[in-house]
N, C-alpha and C. Protein backbone atom coordinates (compact mmCIF):
# COMPACT_ATOMS: atom_id res chain seq x y z
N MET A 1 15.63 65.59 107.74
CA MET A 1 14.75 64.43 107.93
C MET A 1 14.77 64.74 109.49
N GLU A 2 14.19 63.82 110.21
CA GLU A 2 14.19 63.96 111.24
C GLU A 2 14.08 62.52 112.16
N ILE A 3 14.85 62.06 113.29
CA ILE A 3 14.99 60.41 113.37
C ILE A 3 14.24 60.42 115.06
N ILE A 4 13.53 60.13 115.37
CA ILE A 4 11.93 59.98 116.01
C ILE A 4 12.43 58.46 116.04
N ALA A 5 12.57 58.09 117.57
CA ALA A 5 12.45 57.04 118.21
C ALA A 5 11.94 56.33 119.54
N THR A 6 11.01 55.53 119.37
CA THR A 6 10.45 55.15 120.70
C THR A 6 11.39 54.57 122.08
N VAL A 7 10.93 55.03 123.49
CA VAL A 7 11.84 54.42 124.03
C VAL A 7 11.50 53.29 124.81
N ASP A 8 12.34 52.66 125.65
CA ASP A 8 11.97 51.62 126.64
C ASP A 8 12.26 52.17 127.88
N SER A 9 13.22 52.95 128.06
CA SER A 9 13.97 52.82 128.99
C SER A 9 14.51 54.01 129.48
N LEU A 10 14.65 54.67 130.73
CA LEU A 10 15.49 56.28 130.67
C LEU A 10 17.53 55.42 130.23
N ALA A 11 18.07 54.02 130.46
CA ALA A 11 19.47 54.11 130.26
C ALA A 11 19.45 54.29 128.49
N GLN A 12 17.86 53.63 127.63
CA GLN A 12 17.65 53.43 126.25
C GLN A 12 17.78 54.57 125.48
N ALA A 13 16.92 55.89 126.63
CA ALA A 13 17.33 56.92 126.09
C ALA A 13 17.99 57.85 125.84
N GLU A 14 18.98 57.49 126.80
CA GLU A 14 20.43 57.99 126.71
C GLU A 14 21.23 57.41 125.44
N GLN A 15 21.33 56.05 124.92
CA GLN A 15 22.06 55.74 124.43
C GLN A 15 21.45 56.01 122.89
N LEU A 16 19.79 56.28 122.89
CA LEU A 16 19.18 56.82 121.75
C LEU A 16 19.73 58.30 121.50
N LEU A 17 19.69 58.72 122.37
CA LEU A 17 20.23 60.28 122.28
C LEU A 17 21.98 60.40 121.57
N GLU A 18 22.38 59.25 122.71
CA GLU A 18 24.16 59.29 121.79
C GLU A 18 24.84 58.92 120.28
N ALA A 19 23.27 58.04 120.06
CA ALA A 19 23.47 57.49 118.96
C ALA A 19 22.99 58.37 117.86
N GLY A 20 22.68 59.74 118.11
CA GLY A 20 21.94 60.64 116.93
C GLY A 20 20.88 60.83 116.66
N VAL A 21 19.58 60.29 117.72
CA VAL A 21 18.20 59.87 117.46
C VAL A 21 18.02 61.66 117.73
N ASP A 22 16.92 62.13 117.03
CA ASP A 22 16.48 63.85 117.11
C ASP A 22 15.77 63.95 118.24
N ARG A 23 14.26 62.88 118.26
CA ARG A 23 13.50 62.61 119.29
C ARG A 23 13.14 62.09 119.26
N LEU A 24 13.25 62.09 121.08
CA LEU A 24 12.45 60.26 121.99
C LEU A 24 10.77 60.70 122.14
N TYR A 25 10.14 59.51 121.85
CA TYR A 25 9.24 59.08 121.68
C TYR A 25 8.37 58.67 122.81
N VAL A 26 7.86 59.41 124.19
CA VAL A 26 7.81 58.46 125.51
C VAL A 26 6.38 58.92 125.94
N GLY A 27 5.92 58.49 126.93
CA GLY A 27 4.15 58.74 127.14
C GLY A 27 4.04 58.26 128.26
N GLN A 28 2.48 58.03 128.61
CA GLN A 28 2.06 57.93 129.49
C GLN A 28 0.70 56.80 129.35
N SER A 29 0.62 55.45 129.73
CA SER A 29 -1.36 55.07 128.93
C SER A 29 -1.96 56.33 129.92
N PRO A 30 -3.14 56.17 129.61
CA PRO A 30 -3.94 55.59 128.71
C PRO A 30 -3.30 56.73 126.71
N PHE A 31 -2.02 57.31 127.47
CA PHE A 31 -1.61 58.51 126.21
C PHE A 31 -0.60 57.95 125.35
N GLY A 32 -1.13 57.39 123.90
CA GLY A 32 0.04 57.51 123.01
C GLY A 32 -0.14 55.71 122.91
N LEU A 33 0.13 55.79 121.54
CA LEU A 33 0.05 54.46 120.90
C LEU A 33 1.72 53.82 120.45
N ARG A 34 1.28 52.50 120.73
CA ARG A 34 2.70 51.71 120.34
C ARG A 34 3.77 51.98 121.19
N LEU A 35 3.71 52.68 122.90
CA LEU A 35 4.53 52.49 123.45
C LEU A 35 4.69 51.50 124.04
N PRO A 36 6.18 51.01 124.04
CA PRO A 36 6.45 50.23 124.93
C PRO A 36 5.86 49.54 126.61
N ARG A 37 6.12 50.93 127.06
CA ARG A 37 5.70 50.99 128.68
C ARG A 37 5.63 52.46 129.12
N SER A 38 4.66 52.03 130.03
CA SER A 38 4.31 54.23 130.21
C SER A 38 5.02 54.35 131.76
N PHE A 39 5.79 55.41 131.59
CA PHE A 39 6.86 56.31 132.04
C PHE A 39 5.95 57.35 133.17
N SER A 40 6.43 57.31 134.55
CA SER A 40 6.13 58.34 135.31
C SER A 40 6.32 59.74 134.87
N LEU A 41 6.02 60.52 135.76
CA LEU A 41 5.91 61.80 134.89
C LEU A 41 7.99 62.01 135.53
N GLU A 42 8.13 61.58 136.55
CA GLU A 42 9.09 61.94 136.60
C GLU A 42 10.86 61.37 135.61
N GLU A 43 10.52 60.54 135.45
CA GLU A 43 10.85 59.55 134.11
C GLU A 43 10.39 60.25 132.85
N ILE A 44 9.57 61.00 132.75
CA ILE A 44 9.51 61.82 131.87
C ILE A 44 10.53 62.84 131.60
N SER A 45 10.23 63.65 132.63
CA SER A 45 10.67 64.82 133.07
C SER A 45 12.42 64.23 133.19
N GLU A 46 12.98 63.48 133.50
CA GLU A 46 14.24 63.03 133.39
C GLU A 46 14.70 62.82 131.92
N MET A 47 13.98 62.43 131.12
CA MET A 47 14.32 61.97 129.58
C MET A 47 14.33 63.76 128.82
N THR A 48 13.11 64.61 129.06
CA THR A 48 13.18 65.06 128.93
C THR A 48 14.49 66.34 128.94
N SER A 49 14.74 66.69 129.90
CA SER A 49 16.24 67.32 130.52
C SER A 49 17.47 66.40 129.97
N MET A 50 17.58 65.04 129.46
CA MET A 50 18.85 64.73 129.02
C MET A 50 18.69 65.42 127.52
N ALA A 51 16.98 65.04 127.14
CA ALA A 51 17.23 65.36 125.16
C ALA A 51 17.59 67.09 125.13
N HIS A 52 17.47 67.81 125.93
CA HIS A 52 17.49 69.20 125.79
C HIS A 52 18.92 69.42 125.99
N GLN A 53 19.20 68.82 126.61
CA GLN A 53 20.96 69.08 126.86
C GLN A 53 21.97 68.60 126.13
N ALA A 54 21.08 67.52 125.30
CA ALA A 54 21.53 67.21 124.13
C ALA A 54 21.39 68.13 122.82
N GLY A 55 20.46 69.15 122.95
CA GLY A 55 20.26 69.52 122.10
C GLY A 55 18.75 68.98 120.70
N LYS A 56 18.15 68.10 121.46
CA LYS A 56 17.65 67.34 120.80
C LYS A 56 15.91 67.29 121.92
N LYS A 57 14.99 66.78 121.02
CA LYS A 57 13.66 67.21 121.67
C LYS A 57 12.87 65.84 122.32
């Protein structure tokens, strides 16, 4: 089983990874349903790096 969580901020992404989430769900409008906000490419890149460093997706 894999736990997937929608992210609202960079700080929340870090908290979710620390809490054991397996995969972060982020995106940009207009790509992504149910997103609480649209992230810049730089923010998405930073969250991707955080997830990969934690061994997550």
